[in-house]
Amino acid sequence: MRGKGEQLYTEVEGVYKAQTDKALLLNVRGRNVWIPKSQIHGGYTAQTDLDEVIRVDVADWFVNKENLEE
């Protein structure tokens, strides 16, 4: 877990599947999960290739809600 100001974040690793203006679709341990960019530290603006493994820092409350911790 990493703290950025008051909000705590956890690094999540997943396989990039898609994105919209507001969310990123990752396959995390065999499950597709839409992660709101507002819950990713710094948002997410990178151009990513389909099926590329990426890591993003996601707000702890969302990680817990979606059971994304390893």
PDB file of N, CA and C in Angstrom:
ATOM      1  N   MET A   1       0.843  -1.189   0.000  1.00  0.00           N
ATOM      2  CA  MET A   1       0.000   0.000   0.000  1.00  0.00           C
ATOM      3  C   MET A   1       0.880   1.241   0.000  1.00  0.00           C
ATOM      4  N   ARG A   2       0.458   2.210  -0.747  1.00  0.00           N
ATOM      5  CA  ARG A   2       1.180   3.475  -0.808  1.00  0.00           C
ATOM      6  C   ARG A   2       0.224   4.606  -0.517  1.00  0.00           C
ATOM      7  N   GLY A   3       0.676   5.564   0.241  1.00  0.00           N
ATOM      8  CA  GLY A   3      -0.149   6.728   0.540  1.00  0.00           C
ATOM      9  C   GLY A   3       0.183   7.886  -0.381  1.00  0.00           C
ATOM     10  N   LYS A   4      -0.792   8.508  -0.931  1.00  0.00           N
ATOM     11  CA  LYS A   4      -0.623   9.710  -1.738  1.00  0.00           C
ATOM     12  C   LYS A   4      -1.545  10.742  -1.108  1.00  0.00           C
ATOM     13  N   GLY A   5      -1.011  11.564  -0.210  1.00  0.00           N
ATOM     14  CA  GLY A   5      -1.869  12.473   0.534  1.00  0.00           C
ATOM     15  C   GLY A   5      -2.677  11.661   1.524  1.00  0.00           C
ATOM     16  N   GLU A   6      -3.960  11.869   1.551  1.00  0.00           N
ATOM     17  CA  GLU A   6      -4.844  11.154   2.474  1.00  0.00           C
ATOM     18  C   GLU A   6      -5.288   9.804   1.917  1.00  0.00           C
ATOM     19  N   GLN A   7      -5.352   9.685   0.598  1.00  0.00           N
ATOM     20  CA  GLN A   7      -5.838   8.461  -0.043  1.00  0.00           C
ATOM     21  C   GLN A   7      -4.735   7.403  -0.073  1.00  0.00           C
ATOM     22  N   LEU A   8      -5.076   6.156   0.198  1.00  0.00           N
ATOM     23  CA  LEU A   8      -4.132   5.051   0.105  1.00  0.00           C
ATOM     24  C   LEU A   8      -4.390   4.283  -1.184  1.00  0.00           C
ATOM     25  N   TYR A   9      -3.309   3.811  -1.787  1.00  0.00           N
ATOM     26  CA  TYR A   9      -3.399   3.091  -3.052  1.00  0.00           C
ATOM     27  C   TYR A   9      -2.671   1.758  -2.960  1.00  0.00           C
ATOM     28  N   THR A  10      -3.117   0.798  -3.754  1.00  0.00           N
ATOM     29  CA  THR A  10      -2.473  -0.496  -3.871  1.00  0.00           C
ATOM     30  C   THR A  10      -2.179  -0.732  -5.342  1.00  0.00           C
ATOM     31  N   GLU A  11      -0.990  -1.246  -5.624  1.00  0.00           N
ATOM     32  CA  GLU A  11      -0.646  -1.558  -7.010  1.00  0.00           C
ATOM     33  C   GLU A  11      -1.403  -2.800  -7.462  1.00  0.00           C
ATOM     34  N   VAL A  12      -2.063  -2.685  -8.598  1.00  0.00           N
ATOM     35  CA  VAL A  12      -2.824  -3.788  -9.179  1.00  0.00           C
ATOM     36  C   VAL A  12      -2.198  -4.114 -10.536  1.00  0.00           C
ATOM     37  N   GLU A  13      -1.952  -5.396 -10.766  1.00  0.00           N
ATOM     38  CA  GLU A  13      -1.410  -5.840 -12.044  1.00  0.00           C
ATOM     39  C   GLU A  13      -2.513  -6.558 -12.808  1.00  0.00           C
ATOM     40  N   GLY A  14      -2.622  -6.253 -14.092  1.00  0.00           N
ATOM     41  CA  GLY A  14      -3.623  -6.912 -14.910  1.00  0.00           C
ATOM     42  C   GLY A  14      -3.272  -6.830 -16.380  1.00  0.00           C
ATOM     43  N   VAL A  15      -4.047  -7.525 -17.186  1.00  0.00           N
ATOM     44  CA  VAL A  15      -3.866  -7.544 -18.632  1.00  0.00           C
ATOM     45  C   VAL A  15      -4.826  -6.522 -19.234  1.00  0.00           C
ATOM     46  N   TYR A  16      -4.269  -5.565 -19.965  1.00  0.00           N
ATOM     47  CA  TYR A  16      -5.050  -4.490 -20.572  1.00  0.00           C
ATOM     48  C   TYR A  16      -5.991  -5.066 -21.629  1.00  0.00           C
ATOM     49  N   LYS A  17      -7.272  -4.692 -21.540  1.00  0.00           N
ATOM     50  CA  LYS A  17      -8.277  -5.158 -22.496  1.00  0.00           C
ATOM     51  C   LYS A  17      -8.927  -4.015 -23.260  1.00  0.00           C
ATOM     52  N   ALA A  18      -9.196  -2.886 -22.594  1.00  0.00           N
ATOM     53  CA  ALA A  18      -9.863  -1.758 -23.257  1.00  0.00           C
ATOM     54  C   ALA A  18      -9.860  -0.571 -22.321  1.00  0.00           C
ATOM     55  N   GLN A  19     -10.276   0.585 -22.873  1.00  0.00           N
ATOM     56  CA  GLN A  19     -10.499   1.743 -22.015  1.00  0.00           C
ATOM     57  C   GLN A  19     -11.483   2.686 -22.681  1.00  0.00           C
ATOM     58  N   THR A  20     -12.142   3.464 -21.833  1.00  0.00           N
ATOM     59  CA  THR A  20     -13.017   4.531 -22.284  1.00  0.00           C
ATOM     60  C   THR A  20     -12.446   5.819 -21.704  1.00  0.00           C
ATOM     61  N   ASP A  21     -13.143   6.924 -21.891  1.00  0.00           N
ATOM     62  CA  ASP A  21     -12.700   8.178 -21.291  1.00  0.00           C
ATOM     63  C   ASP A  21     -12.666   8.094 -19.769  1.00  0.00           C
ATOM     64  N   LYS A  22     -13.508   7.216 -19.198  1.00  0.00           N
ATOM     65  CA  LYS A  22     -13.663   7.205 -17.742  1.00  0.00           C
ATOM     66  C   LYS A  22     -13.196   5.939 -17.041  1.00  0.00           C
ATOM     67  N   ALA A  23     -12.874   4.889 -17.773  1.00  0.00           N
ATOM     68  CA  ALA A  23     -12.526   3.628 -17.104  1.00  0.00           C
ATOM     69  C   ALA A  23     -11.539   2.809 -17.932  1.00  0.00           C
ATOM     70  N   LEU A  24     -10.881   1.905 -17.222  1.00  0.00           N
ATOM     71  CA  LEU A  24      -9.888   1.013 -17.793  1.00  0.00           C
ATOM     72  C   LEU A  24     -10.360  -0.415 -17.537  1.00  0.00           C
ATOM     73  N   LEU A  25     -10.363  -1.244 -18.573  1.00  0.00           N
ATOM     74  CA  LEU A  25     -10.760  -2.646 -18.413  1.00  0.00           C
ATOM     75  C   LEU A  25      -9.503  -3.499 -18.339  1.00  0.00           C
ATOM     76  N   LEU A  26      -9.321  -4.134 -17.183  1.00  0.00           N
ATOM     77  CA  LEU A  26      -8.197  -5.032 -16.976  1.00  0.00           C
ATOM     78  C   LEU A  26      -8.701  -6.419 -16.645  1.00  0.00           C
ATOM     79  N   ASN A  27      -7.960  -7.426 -17.079  1.00  0.00           N
ATOM     80  CA  ASN A  27      -8.220  -8.783 -16.644  1.00  0.00           C
ATOM     81  C   ASN A  27      -7.261  -9.040 -15.492  1.00  0.00           C
ATOM     82  N   VAL A  28      -7.829  -9.164 -14.302  1.00  0.00           N
ATOM     83  CA  VAL A  28      -7.045  -9.366 -13.086  1.00  0.00           C
ATOM     84  C   VAL A  28      -7.319 -10.777 -12.585  1.00  0.00           C
ATOM     85  N   ARG A  29      -6.294 -11.612 -12.643  1.00  0.00           N
ATOM     86  CA  ARG A  29      -6.411 -13.015 -12.201  1.00  0.00           C
ATOM     87  C   ARG A  29      -7.622 -13.708 -12.816  1.00  0.00           C
ATOM     88  N   GLY A  30      -7.787 -13.545 -14.132  1.00  0.00           N
ATOM     89  CA  GLY A  30      -8.846 -14.255 -14.850  1.00  0.00           C
ATOM     90  C   GLY A  30     -10.214 -13.602 -14.827  1.00  0.00           C
ATOM     91  N   ARG A  31     -10.309 -12.411 -14.246  1.00  0.00           N
ATOM     92  CA  ARG A  31     -11.609 -11.730 -14.146  1.00  0.00           C
ATOM     93  C   ARG A  31     -11.492 -10.327 -14.731  1.00  0.00           C
ATOM     94  N   ASN A  32     -12.393  -9.993 -15.664  1.00  0.00           N
ATOM     95  CA  ASN A  32     -12.411  -8.651 -16.241  1.00  0.00           C
ATOM     96  C   ASN A  32     -13.048  -7.672 -15.269  1.00  0.00           C
ATOM     97  N   VAL A  33     -12.330  -6.559 -15.018  1.00  0.00           N
ATOM     98  CA  VAL A  33     -12.795  -5.554 -14.068  1.00  0.00           C
ATOM     99  C   VAL A  33     -12.634  -4.166 -14.687  1.00  0.00           C
ATOM    100  N   TRP A  34     -13.740  -3.396 -14.707  1.00  0.00           N
ATOM    101  CA  TRP A  34     -13.664  -1.994 -15.113  1.00  0.00           C
ATOM    102  C   TRP A  34     -13.208  -1.190 -13.903  1.00  0.00           C
ATOM    103  N   ILE A  35     -12.102  -0.480 -14.045  1.00  0.00           N
ATOM    104  CA  ILE A  35     -11.568   0.350 -12.965  1.00  0.00           C
ATOM    105  C   ILE A  35     -11.744   1.814 -13.368  1.00  0.00           C
ATOM    106  N   PRO A  36     -12.521   2.573 -12.596  1.00  0.00           N
ATOM    107  CA  PRO A  36     -12.687   3.998 -12.917  1.00  0.00           C
ATOM    108  C   PRO A  36     -11.342   4.711 -12.892  1.00  0.00           C
ATOM    109  N   LYS A  37     -11.072   5.511 -13.915  1.00  0.00           N
ATOM    110  CA  LYS A  37      -9.813   6.252 -13.952  1.00  0.00           C
ATOM    111  C   LYS A  37      -9.701   7.206 -12.769  1.00  0.00           C
ATOM    112  N   SER A  38     -10.841   7.624 -12.223  1.00  0.00           N
ATOM    113  CA  SER A  38     -10.825   8.507 -11.058  1.00  0.00           C
ATOM    114  C   SER A  38     -10.273   7.805  -9.823  1.00  0.00           C
ATOM    115  N   GLN A  39     -10.200   6.462  -9.858  1.00  0.00           N
ATOM    116  CA  GLN A  39      -9.682   5.700  -8.728  1.00  0.00           C
ATOM    117  C   GLN A  39      -8.248   5.226  -8.958  1.00  0.00           C
ATOM    118  N   ILE A  40      -7.663   5.631 -10.094  1.00  0.00           N
ATOM    119  CA  ILE A  40      -6.277   5.308 -10.411  1.00  0.00           C
ATOM    120  C   ILE A  40      -5.438   6.551 -10.114  1.00  0.00           C
ATOM    121  N   HIS A  41      -4.386   6.382  -9.334  1.00  0.00           N
ATOM    122  CA  HIS A  41      -3.551   7.531  -8.988  1.00  0.00           C
ATOM    123  C   HIS A  41      -3.016   8.177 -10.264  1.00  0.00           C
ATOM    124  N   GLY A  42      -3.294   9.446 -10.437  1.00  0.00           N
ATOM    125  CA  GLY A  42      -2.866  10.164 -11.627  1.00  0.00           C
ATOM    126  C   GLY A  42      -3.723   9.902 -12.846  1.00  0.00           C
ATOM    127  N   GLY A  43      -4.834   9.172 -12.673  1.00  0.00           N
ATOM    128  CA  GLY A  43      -5.668   8.821 -13.822  1.00  0.00           C
ATOM    129  C   GLY A  43      -4.942   7.797 -14.675  1.00  0.00           C
ATOM    130  N   TYR A  44      -5.303   7.697 -15.923  1.00  0.00           N
ATOM    131  CA  TYR A  44      -4.608   6.783 -16.827  1.00  0.00           C
ATOM    132  C   TYR A  44      -4.739   7.338 -18.227  1.00  0.00           C
ATOM    133  N   THR A  45      -3.625   7.745 -18.806  1.00  0.00           N
ATOM    134  CA  THR A  45      -3.662   8.340 -20.137  1.00  0.00           C
ATOM    135  C   THR A  45      -2.734   7.647 -21.125  1.00  0.00           C
ATOM    136  N   ALA A  46      -2.044   6.597 -20.699  1.00  0.00           N
ATOM    137  CA  ALA A  46      -1.086   5.921 -21.567  1.00  0.00           C
ATOM    138  C   ALA A  46      -1.777   5.197 -22.722  1.00  0.00           C
ATOM    139  N   GLN A  47      -1.075   5.127 -23.830  1.00  0.00           N
ATOM    140  CA  GLN A  47      -1.523   4.292 -24.934  1.00  0.00           C
ATOM    141  C   GLN A  47      -0.962   2.901 -24.656  1.00  0.00           C
ATOM    142  N   THR A  48      -1.817   1.923 -24.571  1.00  0.00           N
ATOM    143  CA  THR A  48      -1.414   0.578 -24.180  1.00  0.00           C
ATOM    144  C   THR A  48      -1.861  -0.414 -25.234  1.00  0.00           C
ATOM    145  N   ASP A  49      -1.006  -1.394 -25.512  1.00  0.00           N
ATOM    146  CA  ASP A  49      -1.343  -2.435 -26.482  1.00  0.00           C
ATOM    147  C   ASP A  49      -2.273  -3.464 -25.851  1.00  0.00           C
ATOM    148  N   LEU A  50      -3.189  -3.977 -26.643  1.00  0.00           N
ATOM    149  CA  LEU A  50      -4.106  -5.022 -26.198  1.00  0.00           C
ATOM    150  C   LEU A  50      -3.298  -6.199 -25.659  1.00  0.00           C
ATOM    151  N   ASP A  51      -3.729  -6.735 -24.536  1.00  0.00           N
ATOM    152  CA  ASP A  51      -3.128  -7.886 -23.862  1.00  0.00           C
ATOM    153  C   ASP A  51      -1.757  -7.602 -23.239  1.00  0.00           C
ATOM    154  N   GLU A  52      -1.395  -6.327 -23.114  1.00  0.00           N
ATOM    155  CA  GLU A  52      -0.160  -5.957 -22.416  1.00  0.00           C
ATOM    156  C   GLU A  52      -0.408  -6.020 -20.909  1.00  0.00           C
ATOM    157  N   VAL A  53       0.568  -6.547 -20.164  1.00  0.00           N
ATOM    158  CA  VAL A  53       0.463  -6.578 -18.706  1.00  0.00           C
ATOM    159  C   VAL A  53       0.894  -5.204 -18.191  1.00  0.00           C
ATOM    160  N   ILE A  54       0.005  -4.593 -17.388  1.00  0.00           N
ATOM    161  CA  ILE A  54       0.311  -3.273 -16.836  1.00  0.00           C
ATOM    162  C   ILE A  54       0.075  -3.287 -15.326  1.00  0.00           C
ATOM    163  N   ARG A  55       0.619  -2.261 -14.664  1.00  0.00           N
ATOM    164  CA  ARG A  55       0.410  -2.069 -13.226  1.00  0.00           C
ATOM    165  C   ARG A  55      -0.085  -0.649 -13.013  1.00  0.00           C
ATOM    166  N   VAL A  56      -1.113  -0.518 -12.187  1.00  0.00           N
ATOM    167  CA  VAL A  56      -1.647   0.796 -11.844  1.00  0.00           C
ATOM    168  C   VAL A  56      -1.890   0.852 -10.344  1.00  0.00           C
ATOM    169  N   ASP A  57      -1.752   2.047  -9.761  1.00  0.00           N
ATOM    170  CA  ASP A  57      -2.052   2.257  -8.346  1.00  0.00           C
ATOM    171  C   ASP A  57      -3.516   2.630  -8.218  1.00  0.00           C
ATOM    172  N   VAL A  58      -4.290   1.761  -7.553  1.00  0.00           N
ATOM    173  CA  VAL A  58      -5.743   1.909  -7.445  1.00  0.00           C
ATOM    174  C   VAL A  58      -6.113   2.198  -5.987  1.00  0.00           C
ATOM    175  N   ALA A  59      -7.104   3.070  -5.790  1.00  0.00           N
ATOM    176  CA  ALA A  59      -7.560   3.421  -4.443  1.00  0.00           C
ATOM    177  C   ALA A  59      -7.920   2.155  -3.661  1.00  0.00           C
ATOM    178  N   ASP A  60      -7.432   2.101  -2.423  1.00  0.00           N
ATOM    179  CA  ASP A  60      -7.654   0.925  -1.577  1.00  0.00           C
ATOM    180  C   ASP A  60      -9.115   0.530  -1.456  1.00  0.00           C
ATOM    181  N   TRP A  61     -10.008   1.500  -1.302  1.00  0.00           N
ATOM    182  CA  TRP A  61     -11.417   1.144  -1.110  1.00  0.00           C
ATOM    183  C   TRP A  61     -11.932   0.373  -2.322  1.00  0.00           C
ATOM    184  N   PHE A  62     -11.480   0.741  -3.534  1.00  0.00           N
ATOM    185  CA  PHE A  62     -11.933   0.050  -4.744  1.00  0.00           C
ATOM    186  C   PHE A  62     -11.291  -1.334  -4.842  1.00  0.00           C
ATOM    187  N   VAL A  63     -10.017  -1.431  -4.485  1.00  0.00           N
ATOM    188  CA  VAL A  63      -9.330  -2.723  -4.476  1.00  0.00           C
ATOM    189  C   VAL A  63     -10.055  -3.692  -3.547  1.00  0.00           C
ATOM    190  N   ASN A  64     -10.418  -3.219  -2.366  1.00  0.00           N
ATOM    191  CA  ASN A  64     -11.134  -4.071  -1.409  1.00  0.00           C
ATOM    192  C   ASN A  64     -12.523  -4.438  -1.914  1.00  0.00           C
ATOM    193  N   LYS A  65     -13.233  -3.464  -2.468  1.00  0.00           N
ATOM    194  CA  LYS A  65     -14.599  -3.692  -2.975  1.00  0.00           C
ATOM    195  C   LYS A  65     -14.605  -4.769  -4.062  1.00  0.00           C
ATOM    196  N   GLU A  66     -13.616  -4.709  -4.945  1.00  0.00           N
ATOM    197  CA  GLU A  66     -13.564  -5.648  -6.081  1.00  0.00           C
ATOM    198  C   GLU A  66     -12.687  -6.870  -5.815  1.00  0.00           C
ATOM    199  N   ASN A  67     -12.150  -6.958  -4.595  1.00  0.00           N
ATOM    200  CA  ASN A  67     -11.304  -8.090  -4.204  1.00  0.00           C
ATOM    201  C   ASN A  67     -10.151  -8.285  -5.202  1.00  0.00           C
ATOM    202  N   LEU A  68      -9.392  -7.215  -5.415  1.00  0.00           N
ATOM    203  CA  LEU A  68      -8.313  -7.240  -6.399  1.00  0.00           C
ATOM    204  C   LEU A  68      -6.943  -7.521  -5.808  1.00  0.00           C
ATOM    205  N   GLU A  69      -6.844  -7.624  -4.475  1.00  0.00           N
ATOM    206  CA  GLU A  69      -5.555  -7.892  -3.864  1.00  0.00           C
ATOM    207  C   GLU A  69      -5.173  -9.347  -4.094  1.00  0.00           C
ATOM    208  N   GLU A  70      -3.872  -9.546  -4.236  1.00  0.00           N
ATOM    209  CA  GLU A  70      -3.371 -10.920  -4.427  1.00  0.00           C
ATOM    210  C   GLU A  70      -3.253 -11.626  -3.118  1.00  0.00           C
TER     211      GLU A  70
END
